[in-house]
Amino acid sequence: MMFEGFPEQALVFYEGLRADNTKAYWTDHKAVYDSCVKAPMEALLARLEPEFGSGKLFRPYRDVRFSKVI
């Protein structure tokens, strides 16, 4: 797959995720994520790999990297 940019549905997906960052939202919209966010991002990473090395794609829901440790 060749990188051709991100469709507008990717932005709509992230706006919805910002409003409802739950597993339920993620499950209901996973197909949109796979086709409009993940696939284009993997194509972009593949295109940039020769120059910058391999990249990683992290899950966009329930991100706890910046949460306080209890």
PDB file of N, CA and C in Angstrom:
ATOM      1  N   MET A   1       0.849  -1.185   0.000  1.00  0.00           N
ATOM      2  CA  MET A   1       0.000   0.000   0.000  1.00  0.00           C
ATOM      3  C   MET A   1       0.891   1.245   0.000  1.00  0.00           C
ATOM      4  N   MET A   2       0.503   2.211  -0.769  1.00  0.00           N
ATOM      5  CA  MET A   2       1.263   3.448  -0.864  1.00  0.00           C
ATOM      6  C   MET A   2       0.584   4.524  -0.008  1.00  0.00           C
ATOM      7  N   PHE A   3       1.383   5.312   0.687  1.00  0.00           N
ATOM      8  CA  PHE A   3       0.819   6.361   1.539  1.00  0.00           C
ATOM      9  C   PHE A   3       0.260   7.484   0.680  1.00  0.00           C
ATOM     10  N   GLU A   4      -1.029   7.781   0.878  1.00  0.00           N
ATOM     11  CA  GLU A   4      -1.689   8.845   0.128  1.00  0.00           C
ATOM     12  C   GLU A   4      -2.343   9.856   1.061  1.00  0.00           C
ATOM     13  N   GLY A   5      -1.947   9.869   2.326  1.00  0.00           N
ATOM     14  CA  GLY A   5      -2.527  10.786   3.295  1.00  0.00           C
ATOM     15  C   GLY A   5      -3.603  10.104   4.126  1.00  0.00           C
ATOM     16  N   PHE A   6      -4.155  10.857   5.053  1.00  0.00           N
ATOM     17  CA  PHE A   6      -5.201  10.348   5.929  1.00  0.00           C
ATOM     18  C   PHE A   6      -6.552  10.912   5.498  1.00  0.00           C
ATOM     19  N   PRO A   7      -7.565  10.060   5.410  1.00  0.00           N
ATOM     20  CA  PRO A   7      -8.892  10.563   5.034  1.00  0.00           C
ATOM     21  C   PRO A   7      -9.514  11.366   6.174  1.00  0.00           C
ATOM     22  N   GLU A   8     -10.505  12.159   5.845  1.00  0.00           N
ATOM     23  CA  GLU A   8     -11.185  12.984   6.848  1.00  0.00           C
ATOM     24  C   GLU A   8     -11.822  12.137   7.949  1.00  0.00           C
ATOM     25  N   GLN A   9     -12.215  10.907   7.622  1.00  0.00           N
ATOM     26  CA  GLN A   9     -12.813  10.022   8.629  1.00  0.00           C
ATOM     27  C   GLN A   9     -11.855   9.738   9.778  1.00  0.00           C
ATOM     28  N   ALA A  10     -10.544   9.821   9.530  1.00  0.00           N
ATOM     29  CA  ALA A  10      -9.568   9.627  10.604  1.00  0.00           C
ATOM     30  C   ALA A  10      -9.704  10.729  11.651  1.00  0.00           C
ATOM     31  N   LEU A  11      -9.885  11.961  11.209  1.00  0.00           N
ATOM     32  CA  LEU A  11     -10.062  13.073  12.150  1.00  0.00           C
ATOM     33  C   LEU A  11     -11.370  12.943  12.911  1.00  0.00           C
ATOM     34  N   VAL A  12     -12.422  12.517  12.225  1.00  0.00           N
ATOM     35  CA  VAL A  12     -13.712  12.303  12.882  1.00  0.00           C
ATOM     36  C   VAL A  12     -13.586  11.209  13.933  1.00  0.00           C
ATOM     37  N   PHE A  13     -12.834  10.152  13.604  1.00  0.00           N
ATOM     38  CA  PHE A  13     -12.600   9.065  14.563  1.00  0.00           C
ATOM     39  C   PHE A  13     -11.928   9.596  15.829  1.00  0.00           C
ATOM     40  N   TYR A  14     -10.877  10.393  15.667  1.00  0.00           N
ATOM     41  CA  TYR A  14     -10.163  10.913  16.836  1.00  0.00           C
ATOM     42  C   TYR A  14     -10.977  11.935  17.619  1.00  0.00           C
ATOM     43  N   GLU A  15     -11.807  12.707  16.961  1.00  0.00           N
ATOM     44  CA  GLU A  15     -12.700  13.621  17.684  1.00  0.00           C
ATOM     45  C   GLU A  15     -13.667  12.825  18.556  1.00  0.00           C
ATOM     46  N   GLY A  16     -14.206  11.751  18.018  1.00  0.00           N
ATOM     47  CA  GLY A  16     -15.095  10.892  18.796  1.00  0.00           C
ATOM     48  C   GLY A  16     -14.367  10.211  19.936  1.00  0.00           C
ATOM     49  N   LEU A  17     -13.155   9.782  19.694  1.00  0.00           N
ATOM     50  CA  LEU A  17     -12.374   9.125  20.743  1.00  0.00           C
ATOM     51  C   LEU A  17     -12.032  10.097  21.862  1.00  0.00           C
ATOM     52  N   ARG A  18     -11.770  11.342  21.507  1.00  0.00           N
ATOM     53  CA  ARG A  18     -11.494  12.348  22.536  1.00  0.00           C
ATOM     54  C   ARG A  18     -12.729  12.564  23.416  1.00  0.00           C
ATOM     55  N   ALA A  19     -13.897  12.531  22.813  1.00  0.00           N
ATOM     56  CA  ALA A  19     -15.140  12.744  23.554  1.00  0.00           C
ATOM     57  C   ALA A  19     -15.535  11.516  24.364  1.00  0.00           C
ATOM     58  N   ASP A  20     -15.160  10.323  23.894  1.00  0.00           N
ATOM     59  CA  ASP A  20     -15.570   9.081  24.551  1.00  0.00           C
ATOM     60  C   ASP A  20     -14.428   8.078  24.494  1.00  0.00           C
ATOM     61  N   ASN A  21     -13.470   8.220  25.371  1.00  0.00           N
ATOM     62  CA  ASN A  21     -12.268   7.384  25.389  1.00  0.00           C
ATOM     63  C   ASN A  21     -12.528   6.101  26.179  1.00  0.00           C
ATOM     64  N   THR A  22     -13.445   5.282  25.644  1.00  0.00           N
ATOM     65  CA  THR A  22     -13.807   4.031  26.321  1.00  0.00           C
ATOM     66  C   THR A  22     -13.567   2.849  25.390  1.00  0.00           C
ATOM     67  N   LYS A  23     -13.525   1.685  25.986  1.00  0.00           N
ATOM     68  CA  LYS A  23     -13.397   0.444  25.213  1.00  0.00           C
ATOM     69  C   LYS A  23     -14.610   0.266  24.298  1.00  0.00           C
ATOM     70  N   ALA A  24     -15.784   0.676  24.742  1.00  0.00           N
ATOM     71  CA  ALA A  24     -17.002   0.538  23.932  1.00  0.00           C
ATOM     72  C   ALA A  24     -16.888   1.356  22.640  1.00  0.00           C
ATOM     73  N   TYR A  25     -16.427   2.601  22.751  1.00  0.00           N
ATOM     74  CA  TYR A  25     -16.248   3.432  21.551  1.00  0.00           C
ATOM     75  C   TYR A  25     -15.241   2.777  20.620  1.00  0.00           C
ATOM     76  N   TRP A  26     -14.152   2.336  21.186  1.00  0.00           N
ATOM     77  CA  TRP A  26     -13.103   1.696  20.391  1.00  0.00           C
ATOM     78  C   TRP A  26     -13.650   0.488  19.642  1.00  0.00           C
ATOM     79  N   THR A  27     -14.376  -0.368  20.333  1.00  0.00           N
ATOM     80  CA  THR A  27     -14.928  -1.573  19.716  1.00  0.00           C
ATOM     81  C   THR A  27     -15.898  -1.211  18.589  1.00  0.00           C
ATOM     82  N   ASP A  28     -16.750  -0.235  18.827  1.00  0.00           N
ATOM     83  CA  ASP A  28     -17.743   0.171  17.829  1.00  0.00           C
ATOM     84  C   ASP A  28     -17.112   0.816  16.597  1.00  0.00           C
ATOM     85  N   HIS A  29     -15.926   1.388  16.732  1.00  0.00           N
ATOM     86  CA  HIS A  29     -15.300   2.132  15.632  1.00  0.00           C
ATOM     87  C   HIS A  29     -13.975   1.522  15.160  1.00  0.00           C
ATOM     88  N   LYS A  30     -13.711   0.284  15.531  1.00  0.00           N
ATOM     89  CA  LYS A  30     -12.439  -0.347  15.178  1.00  0.00           C
ATOM     90  C   LYS A  30     -12.242  -0.455  13.667  1.00  0.00           C
ATOM     91  N   ALA A  31     -13.304  -0.725  12.923  1.00  0.00           N
ATOM     92  CA  ALA A  31     -13.179  -0.830  11.465  1.00  0.00           C
ATOM     93  C   ALA A  31     -12.741   0.500  10.853  1.00  0.00           C
ATOM     94  N   VAL A  32     -13.259   1.606  11.372  1.00  0.00           N
ATOM     95  CA  VAL A  32     -12.857   2.936  10.897  1.00  0.00           C
ATOM     96  C   VAL A  32     -11.388   3.165  11.227  1.00  0.00           C
ATOM     97  N   TYR A  33     -10.983   2.811  12.435  1.00  0.00           N
ATOM     98  CA  TYR A  33      -9.582   2.957  12.826  1.00  0.00           C
ATOM     99  C   TYR A  33      -8.679   2.149  11.894  1.00  0.00           C
ATOM    100  N   ASP A  34      -9.043   0.885  11.659  1.00  0.00           N
ATOM    101  CA  ASP A  34      -8.202   0.016  10.829  1.00  0.00           C
ATOM    102  C   ASP A  34      -8.033   0.554   9.413  1.00  0.00           C
ATOM    103  N   SER A  35      -9.114   1.043   8.816  1.00  0.00           N
ATOM    104  CA  SER A  35      -9.043   1.468   7.418  1.00  0.00           C
ATOM    105  C   SER A  35      -8.590   2.911   7.228  1.00  0.00           C
ATOM    106  N   CYS A  36      -8.924   3.789   8.170  1.00  0.00           N
ATOM    107  CA  CYS A  36      -8.662   5.226   7.973  1.00  0.00           C
ATOM    108  C   CYS A  36      -7.470   5.757   8.760  1.00  0.00           C
ATOM    109  N   VAL A  37      -7.035   5.022   9.768  1.00  0.00           N
ATOM    110  CA  VAL A  37      -5.909   5.480  10.584  1.00  0.00           C
ATOM    111  C   VAL A  37      -4.746   4.488  10.498  1.00  0.00           C
ATOM    112  N   LYS A  38      -4.997   3.247  10.865  1.00  0.00           N
ATOM    113  CA  LYS A  38      -3.917   2.262  10.961  1.00  0.00           C
ATOM    114  C   LYS A  38      -3.280   1.953   9.602  1.00  0.00           C
ATOM    115  N   ALA A  39      -4.095   1.676   8.598  1.00  0.00           N
ATOM    116  CA  ALA A  39      -3.551   1.325   7.281  1.00  0.00           C
ATOM    117  C   ALA A  39      -2.725   2.471   6.679  1.00  0.00           C
ATOM    118  N   PRO A  40      -3.238   3.715   6.670  1.00  0.00           N
ATOM    119  CA  PRO A  40      -2.398   4.795   6.148  1.00  0.00           C
ATOM    120  C   PRO A  40      -1.122   5.019   6.972  1.00  0.00           C
ATOM    121  N   MET A  41      -1.225   4.873   8.296  1.00  0.00           N
ATOM    122  CA  MET A  41      -0.036   5.067   9.137  1.00  0.00           C
ATOM    123  C   MET A  41       1.003   3.985   8.868  1.00  0.00           C
ATOM    124  N   GLU A  42       0.562   2.751   8.684  1.00  0.00           N
ATOM    125  CA  GLU A  42       1.511   1.684   8.362  1.00  0.00           C
ATOM    126  C   GLU A  42       2.174   1.937   7.010  1.00  0.00           C
ATOM    127  N   ALA A  43       1.412   2.467   6.052  1.00  0.00           N
ATOM    128  CA  ALA A  43       1.991   2.804   4.750  1.00  0.00           C
ATOM    129  C   ALA A  43       3.020   3.932   4.889  1.00  0.00           C
ATOM    130  N   LEU A  44       2.718   4.923   5.713  1.00  0.00           N
ATOM    131  CA  LEU A  44       3.662   6.024   5.948  1.00  0.00           C
ATOM    132  C   LEU A  44       4.922   5.510   6.637  1.00  0.00           C
ATOM    133  N   LEU A  45       4.765   4.664   7.639  1.00  0.00           N
ATOM    134  CA  LEU A  45       5.929   4.106   8.333  1.00  0.00           C
ATOM    135  C   LEU A  45       6.799   3.289   7.381  1.00  0.00           C
ATOM    136  N   ALA A  46       6.161   2.527   6.504  1.00  0.00           N
ATOM    137  CA  ALA A  46       6.918   1.723   5.537  1.00  0.00           C
ATOM    138  C   ALA A  46       7.696   2.631   4.578  1.00  0.00           C
ATOM    139  N   ARG A  47       7.088   3.724   4.183  1.00  0.00           N
ATOM    140  CA  ARG A  47       7.771   4.651   3.272  1.00  0.00           C
ATOM    141  C   ARG A  47       8.952   5.344   3.955  1.00  0.00           C
ATOM    142  N   LEU A  48       8.831   5.649   5.234  1.00  0.00           N
ATOM    143  CA  LEU A  48       9.893   6.346   5.959  1.00  0.00           C
ATOM    144  C   LEU A  48      10.976   5.415   6.511  1.00  0.00           C
ATOM    145  N   GLU A  49      10.688   4.130   6.555  1.00  0.00           N
ATOM    146  CA  GLU A  49      11.621   3.180   7.167  1.00  0.00           C
ATOM    147  C   GLU A  49      13.027   3.203   6.574  1.00  0.00           C
ATOM    148  N   PRO A  50      13.200   3.269   5.264  1.00  0.00           N
ATOM    149  CA  PRO A  50      14.573   3.275   4.732  1.00  0.00           C
ATOM    150  C   PRO A  50      15.427   4.437   5.267  1.00  0.00           C
ATOM    151  N   GLU A  51      14.794   5.562   5.529  1.00  0.00           N
ATOM    152  CA  GLU A  51      15.551   6.723   5.988  1.00  0.00           C
ATOM    153  C   GLU A  51      15.654   6.818   7.510  1.00  0.00           C
ATOM    154  N   PHE A  52      14.571   6.425   8.210  1.00  0.00           N
ATOM    155  CA  PHE A  52      14.521   6.632   9.662  1.00  0.00           C
ATOM    156  C   PHE A  52      14.484   5.347  10.488  1.00  0.00           C
ATOM    157  N   GLY A  53      14.404   4.193   9.872  1.00  0.00           N
ATOM    158  CA  GLY A  53      14.287   2.936  10.596  1.00  0.00           C
ATOM    159  C   GLY A  53      12.828   2.619  10.891  1.00  0.00           C
ATOM    160  N   SER A  54      12.614   1.479  11.506  1.00  0.00           N
ATOM    161  CA  SER A  54      11.240   1.032  11.734  1.00  0.00           C
ATOM    162  C   SER A  54      10.556   1.894  12.795  1.00  0.00           C
ATOM    163  N   GLY A  55       9.270   2.066  12.624  1.00  0.00           N
ATOM    164  CA  GLY A  55       8.459   2.842  13.558  1.00  0.00           C
ATOM    165  C   GLY A  55       7.469   1.936  14.255  1.00  0.00           C
ATOM    166  N   LYS A  56       6.863   2.446  15.307  1.00  0.00           N
ATOM    167  CA  LYS A  56       5.880   1.676  16.069  1.00  0.00           C
ATOM    168  C   LYS A  56       4.571   2.433  16.122  1.00  0.00           C
ATOM    169  N   LEU A  57       3.508   1.685  16.147  1.00  0.00           N
ATOM    170  CA  LEU A  57       2.169   2.245  16.205  1.00  0.00           C
ATOM    171  C   LEU A  57       1.546   1.795  17.522  1.00  0.00           C
ATOM    172  N   PHE A  58       1.153   2.754  18.364  1.00  0.00           N
ATOM    173  CA  PHE A  58       0.562   2.438  19.658  1.00  0.00           C
ATOM    174  C   PHE A  58      -0.951   2.540  19.597  1.00  0.00           C
ATOM    175  N   ARG A  59      -1.617   1.805  20.447  1.00  0.00           N
ATOM    176  CA  ARG A  59      -3.084   1.859  20.482  1.00  0.00           C
ATOM    177  C   ARG A  59      -3.535   3.251  20.929  1.00  0.00           C
ATOM    178  N   PRO A  60      -4.611   3.742  20.338  1.00  0.00           N
ATOM    179  CA  PRO A  60      -5.042   5.108  20.646  1.00  0.00           C
ATOM    180  C   PRO A  60      -6.085   5.226  21.748  1.00  0.00           C
ATOM    181  N   TYR A  61      -6.525   4.128  22.320  1.00  0.00           N
ATOM    182  CA  TYR A  61      -7.577   4.218  23.325  1.00  0.00           C
ATOM    183  C   TYR A  61      -7.023   3.861  24.702  1.00  0.00           C
ATOM    184  N   ARG A  62      -7.617   4.439  25.706  1.00  0.00           N
ATOM    185  CA  ARG A  62      -7.241   4.181  27.094  1.00  0.00           C
ATOM    186  C   ARG A  62      -5.738   4.286  27.319  1.00  0.00           C
ATOM    187  N   ASP A  63      -5.171   5.333  26.782  1.00  0.00           N
ATOM    188  CA  ASP A  63      -3.736   5.568  26.907  1.00  0.00           C
ATOM    189  C   ASP A  63      -3.423   5.945  28.347  1.00  0.00           C
ATOM    190  N   VAL A  64      -2.587   5.166  28.999  1.00  0.00           N
ATOM    191  CA  VAL A  64      -2.278   5.412  30.406  1.00  0.00           C
ATOM    192  C   VAL A  64      -0.831   5.872  30.624  1.00  0.00           C
ATOM    193  N   ARG A  65      -0.154   6.217  29.544  1.00  0.00           N
ATOM    194  CA  ARG A  65       1.258   6.604  29.685  1.00  0.00           C
ATOM    195  C   ARG A  65       1.456   7.814  30.584  1.00  0.00           C
ATOM    196  N   PHE A  66       0.470   8.723  30.621  1.00  0.00           N
ATOM    197  CA  PHE A  66       0.633   9.951  31.387  1.00  0.00           C
ATOM    198  C   PHE A  66      -0.270  10.003  32.620  1.00  0.00           C
ATOM    199  N   SER A  67      -0.858   8.869  32.970  1.00  0.00           N
ATOM    200  CA  SER A  67      -1.712   8.836  34.152  1.00  0.00           C
ATOM    201  C   SER A  67      -0.849   8.714  35.410  1.00  0.00           C
ATOM    202  N   LYS A  68      -1.415   9.140  36.518  1.00  0.00           N
ATOM    203  CA  LYS A  68      -0.683   9.052  37.786  1.00  0.00           C
ATOM    204  C   LYS A  68      -0.614   7.597  38.232  1.00  0.00           C
ATOM    205  N   VAL A  69       0.538   7.191  38.729  1.00  0.00           N
ATOM    206  CA  VAL A  69       0.712   5.841  39.231  1.00  0.00           C
ATOM    207  C   VAL A  69       0.146   5.783  40.642  1.00  0.00           C
ATOM    208  N   ILE A  70      -0.660   4.791  40.867  1.00  0.00           N
ATOM    209  CA  ILE A  70      -1.290   4.664  42.198  1.00  0.00           C
ATOM    210  C   ILE A  70      -0.452   3.785  43.087  1.00  0.00           C
TER     211      ILE A  70
END
